Amino acid sequence: MPNIITITQLETVINRVREVAPPVNYILSPDLRALAEVYGRMIGEHAESIDLDHEPAALRHVVLKWLPPTGGTATACAYRTGESGPDCEACQ
């Protein structure tokens, strides 16, 4: 099953990272740097989406870590849902 992410979803992910871990002295966090690289490549290639299964595992992990949950049994956290709950990896 392909792991497709649209450029709009990637923009959402980038904005989440920027809110939690903004650049310091114009230096991007490692997660933000990886996401920006893919975003730039998508812009350059006029790509509407990418298949994360064709991306390096480290990048796939970063995107999926920050991607908003879409239901299922994802652990709630205050940042993503506004509800109290255990901190997710993104909130640490």
N, C-alpha and C. Protein backbone atom coordinates (compact mmCIF):
# COMPACT_ATOMS: atom_id res chain seq x y z
N MET A 1 0.85 -1.18 0.00
CA MET A 1 0.00 0.00 0.00
C MET A 1 0.89 1.24 0.00
N PRO A 2 0.74 2.12 -1.00
CA PRO A 2 1.60 3.30 -1.07
C PRO A 2 1.30 4.29 0.06
N ASN A 3 2.30 5.01 0.44
CA ASN A 3 2.23 6.03 1.49
C ASN A 3 2.30 7.39 0.81
N ILE A 4 1.22 7.82 0.18
CA ILE A 4 1.20 9.05 -0.60
C ILE A 4 0.93 10.24 0.32
N ILE A 5 1.71 11.31 0.13
CA ILE A 5 1.46 12.56 0.84
C ILE A 5 1.43 13.68 -0.20
N THR A 6 0.43 14.54 -0.07
CA THR A 6 0.30 15.65 -1.01
C THR A 6 1.17 16.82 -0.54
N ILE A 7 1.39 17.75 -1.43
CA ILE A 7 2.18 18.92 -1.08
C ILE A 7 1.46 19.74 0.00
N THR A 8 0.14 19.74 -0.03
CA THR A 8 -0.63 20.45 1.01
C THR A 8 -0.43 19.80 2.37
N GLN A 9 -0.43 18.47 2.41
CA GLN A 9 -0.17 17.77 3.67
C GLN A 9 1.25 18.06 4.15
N LEU A 10 2.20 18.09 3.23
CA LEU A 10 3.58 18.37 3.60
C LEU A 10 3.70 19.79 4.16
N GLU A 11 2.98 20.74 3.57
CA GLU A 11 2.98 22.11 4.10
C GLU A 11 2.44 22.13 5.53
N THR A 12 1.41 21.35 5.80
CA THR A 12 0.86 21.25 7.15
C THR A 12 1.90 20.70 8.12
N VAL A 13 2.60 19.68 7.68
CA VAL A 13 3.65 19.08 8.51
C VAL A 13 4.74 20.12 8.79
N ILE A 14 5.17 20.84 7.78
CA ILE A 14 6.22 21.86 7.94
C ILE A 14 5.76 22.92 8.94
N ASN A 15 4.51 23.36 8.83
CA ASN A 15 4.00 24.37 9.74
C ASN A 15 3.94 23.86 11.18
N ARG A 16 3.59 22.59 11.38
CA ARG A 16 3.59 22.00 12.73
C ARG A 16 4.99 22.03 13.32
N VAL A 17 5.96 21.64 12.53
CA VAL A 17 7.34 21.62 13.02
C VAL A 17 7.80 23.04 13.34
N ARG A 18 7.47 24.00 12.48
CA ARG A 18 7.87 25.40 12.72
C ARG A 18 7.27 25.95 14.00
N GLU A 19 6.04 25.53 14.33
CA GLU A 19 5.39 26.01 15.55
C GLU A 19 6.06 25.44 16.80
N VAL A 20 6.40 24.16 16.75
CA VAL A 20 6.97 23.49 17.92
C VAL A 20 8.47 23.73 18.03
N ALA A 21 9.16 23.70 16.92
CA ALA A 21 10.62 23.85 16.91
C ALA A 21 11.02 24.87 15.86
N PRO A 22 10.76 26.16 16.14
CA PRO A 22 11.08 27.19 15.14
C PRO A 22 12.59 27.32 14.93
N PRO A 23 12.97 27.85 13.77
CA PRO A 23 14.39 28.06 13.54
C PRO A 23 14.98 28.98 14.62
N VAL A 24 16.19 28.70 15.01
CA VAL A 24 16.91 29.53 15.98
C VAL A 24 18.09 30.15 15.26
N ASN A 25 18.15 31.47 15.29
CA ASN A 25 19.20 32.19 14.56
C ASN A 25 19.26 31.75 13.10
N TYR A 26 18.09 31.56 12.50
CA TYR A 26 17.94 31.16 11.09
C TYR A 26 18.43 29.75 10.80
N ILE A 27 18.62 28.94 11.83
CA ILE A 27 19.06 27.56 11.65
C ILE A 27 17.86 26.64 11.85
N LEU A 28 17.58 25.83 10.84
CA LEU A 28 16.44 24.92 10.90
C LEU A 28 16.79 23.70 11.73
N SER A 29 15.78 23.15 12.41
CA SER A 29 15.96 21.89 13.12
C SER A 29 16.20 20.79 12.08
N PRO A 30 16.79 19.67 12.48
CA PRO A 30 17.01 18.58 11.52
C PRO A 30 15.72 18.13 10.83
N ASP A 31 14.62 18.04 11.59
CA ASP A 31 13.35 17.63 10.98
C ASP A 31 12.90 18.65 9.95
N LEU A 32 12.96 19.91 10.31
CA LEU A 32 12.51 20.96 9.39
C LEU A 32 13.39 21.02 8.15
N ARG A 33 14.68 20.81 8.33
CA ARG A 33 15.61 20.82 7.20
C ARG A 33 15.27 19.69 6.22
N ALA A 34 14.98 18.50 6.74
CA ALA A 34 14.63 17.36 5.88
C ALA A 34 13.33 17.62 5.13
N LEU A 35 12.35 18.16 5.84
CA LEU A 35 11.06 18.45 5.21
C LEU A 35 11.20 19.54 4.14
N ALA A 36 11.99 20.55 4.43
CA ALA A 36 12.19 21.64 3.47
C ALA A 36 12.88 21.13 2.20
N GLU A 37 13.78 20.20 2.36
CA GLU A 37 14.46 19.63 1.19
C GLU A 37 13.47 18.94 0.26
N VAL A 38 12.59 18.14 0.85
CA VAL A 38 11.58 17.44 0.03
C VAL A 38 10.60 18.44 -0.57
N TYR A 39 10.18 19.41 0.22
CA TYR A 39 9.25 20.42 -0.26
C TYR A 39 9.85 21.17 -1.45
N GLY A 40 11.10 21.56 -1.33
CA GLY A 40 11.77 22.25 -2.43
C GLY A 40 11.85 21.39 -3.68
N ARG A 41 12.13 20.12 -3.49
CA ARG A 41 12.19 19.20 -4.63
C ARG A 41 10.82 19.07 -5.29
N MET A 42 9.77 18.98 -4.47
CA MET A 42 8.42 18.88 -5.02
C MET A 42 8.06 20.13 -5.81
N ILE A 43 8.42 21.29 -5.27
CA ILE A 43 8.15 22.55 -5.98
C ILE A 43 8.89 22.56 -7.32
N GLY A 44 10.16 22.20 -7.29
CA GLY A 44 10.98 22.19 -8.50
C GLY A 44 10.46 21.24 -9.57
N GLU A 45 9.91 20.11 -9.12
CA GLU A 45 9.39 19.11 -10.06
C GLU A 45 7.91 19.29 -10.36
N HIS A 46 7.29 20.31 -9.78
CA HIS A 46 5.85 20.54 -9.93
C HIS A 46 5.05 19.31 -9.51
N ALA A 47 5.50 18.64 -8.46
CA ALA A 47 4.85 17.42 -7.98
C ALA A 47 3.71 17.78 -7.04
N GLU A 48 2.57 17.20 -7.27
CA GLU A 48 1.41 17.39 -6.39
C GLU A 48 1.49 16.48 -5.17
N SER A 49 2.21 15.35 -5.31
CA SER A 49 2.32 14.39 -4.22
C SER A 49 3.58 13.56 -4.42
N ILE A 50 3.95 12.86 -3.33
CA ILE A 50 5.08 11.92 -3.40
C ILE A 50 4.68 10.65 -2.67
N ASP A 51 5.33 9.57 -3.04
CA ASP A 51 5.13 8.30 -2.36
C ASP A 51 6.27 8.15 -1.35
N LEU A 52 5.93 8.21 -0.07
CA LEU A 52 6.95 8.13 0.98
C LEU A 52 7.69 6.80 0.97
N ASP A 53 7.09 5.78 0.37
CA ASP A 53 7.76 4.48 0.29
C ASP A 53 8.99 4.54 -0.61
N HIS A 54 9.08 5.57 -1.43
CA HIS A 54 10.24 5.75 -2.31
C HIS A 54 11.24 6.76 -1.76
N GLU A 55 11.02 7.19 -0.54
CA GLU A 55 11.91 8.15 0.12
C GLU A 55 12.73 7.41 1.18
N PRO A 56 13.85 7.99 1.60
CA PRO A 56 14.65 7.36 2.65
C PRO A 56 13.82 7.16 3.93
N ALA A 57 14.13 6.10 4.65
CA ALA A 57 13.38 5.76 5.87
C ALA A 57 13.40 6.90 6.88
N ALA A 58 14.52 7.60 7.00
CA ALA A 58 14.61 8.70 7.96
C ALA A 58 13.60 9.81 7.63
N LEU A 59 13.46 10.12 6.35
CA LEU A 59 12.51 11.15 5.94
C LEU A 59 11.08 10.66 6.19
N ARG A 60 10.81 9.43 5.83
CA ARG A 60 9.48 8.84 6.04
C ARG A 60 9.11 8.95 7.52
N HIS A 61 10.07 8.64 8.40
CA HIS A 61 9.83 8.71 9.84
C HIS A 61 9.49 10.14 10.27
N VAL A 62 10.23 11.13 9.76
CA VAL A 62 9.99 12.53 10.12
C VAL A 62 8.59 12.95 9.69
N VAL A 63 8.22 12.65 8.46
CA VAL A 63 6.90 13.05 7.96
C VAL A 63 5.80 12.40 8.77
N LEU A 64 5.89 11.09 8.99
CA LEU A 64 4.84 10.38 9.70
C LEU A 64 4.77 10.80 11.17
N LYS A 65 5.91 11.19 11.74
CA LYS A 65 5.94 11.65 13.13
C LYS A 65 5.13 12.93 13.30
N TRP A 66 5.20 13.83 12.33
CA TRP A 66 4.56 15.13 12.43
C TRP A 66 3.21 15.21 11.75
N LEU A 67 2.88 14.25 10.90
CA LEU A 67 1.61 14.28 10.17
C LEU A 67 0.45 14.20 11.14
N PRO A 68 -0.56 15.05 10.99
CA PRO A 68 -1.71 14.98 11.90
C PRO A 68 -2.37 13.60 11.83
N PRO A 69 -2.82 13.09 12.96
CA PRO A 69 -3.47 11.79 12.95
C PRO A 69 -4.76 11.84 12.14
N THR A 70 -5.10 10.71 11.52
CA THR A 70 -6.32 10.64 10.70
C THR A 70 -7.30 9.63 11.26
N GLY A 71 -7.36 9.52 12.57
CA GLY A 71 -8.25 8.55 13.18
C GLY A 71 -7.47 7.36 13.69
N GLY A 72 -8.14 6.27 13.89
CA GLY A 72 -7.48 5.08 14.39
C GLY A 72 -7.20 5.20 15.87
N THR A 73 -6.14 4.56 16.32
CA THR A 73 -5.85 4.53 17.75
C THR A 73 -4.61 5.35 18.10
N ALA A 74 -4.39 6.43 17.38
CA ALA A 74 -3.23 7.26 17.65
C ALA A 74 -3.32 7.84 19.05
N THR A 75 -2.19 7.94 19.72
CA THR A 75 -2.14 8.50 21.06
C THR A 75 -2.41 10.00 21.00
N ALA A 76 -3.30 10.46 21.85
CA ALA A 76 -3.64 11.88 21.88
C ALA A 76 -2.54 12.67 22.57
N CYS A 77 -2.37 13.89 22.15
CA CYS A 77 -1.46 14.80 22.85
C CYS A 77 -2.06 16.19 22.80
N ALA A 78 -1.68 17.01 23.73
CA ALA A 78 -2.26 18.34 23.83
C ALA A 78 -1.99 19.17 22.58
N TYR A 79 -0.81 19.04 21.98
CA TYR A 79 -0.48 19.86 20.83
C TYR A 79 -1.36 19.54 19.63
N ARG A 80 -1.51 18.27 19.35
CA ARG A 80 -2.23 17.89 18.13
C ARG A 80 -3.74 17.92 18.29
N THR A 81 -4.26 17.62 19.45
CA THR A 81 -5.71 17.46 19.58
C THR A 81 -6.37 18.48 20.48
N GLY A 82 -5.60 19.17 21.30
CA GLY A 82 -6.18 20.09 22.26
C GLY A 82 -6.69 19.38 23.49
N GLU A 83 -6.54 18.08 23.57
CA GLU A 83 -6.97 17.31 24.72
C GLU A 83 -5.77 16.94 25.57
N SER A 84 -6.04 16.69 26.83
CA SER A 84 -4.94 16.23 27.67
C SER A 84 -4.65 14.78 27.33
N GLY A 85 -3.43 14.38 27.49
CA GLY A 85 -3.03 13.00 27.19
C GLY A 85 -1.54 12.90 27.22
N PRO A 86 -1.04 11.70 27.08
CA PRO A 86 0.43 11.53 27.10
C PRO A 86 1.07 12.29 25.95
N ASP A 87 2.23 12.82 26.18
CA ASP A 87 2.94 13.54 25.13
C ASP A 87 3.33 12.60 24.01
N CYS A 88 3.16 13.07 22.81
CA CYS A 88 3.61 12.30 21.66
C CYS A 88 5.09 12.62 21.41
N GLU A 89 5.69 11.88 20.52
CA GLU A 89 7.11 12.09 20.19
C GLU A 89 7.37 13.51 19.70
N ALA A 90 6.41 14.08 18.97
CA ALA A 90 6.58 15.43 18.42
C ALA A 90 6.58 16.50 19.51
N CYS A 91 5.95 16.21 20.64
CA CYS A 91 5.82 17.22 21.70
C CYS A 91 6.99 17.19 22.68
N GLN A 92 7.84 16.23 22.57
CA GLN A 92 8.94 16.13 23.54
C GLN A 92 10.03 17.12 23.25
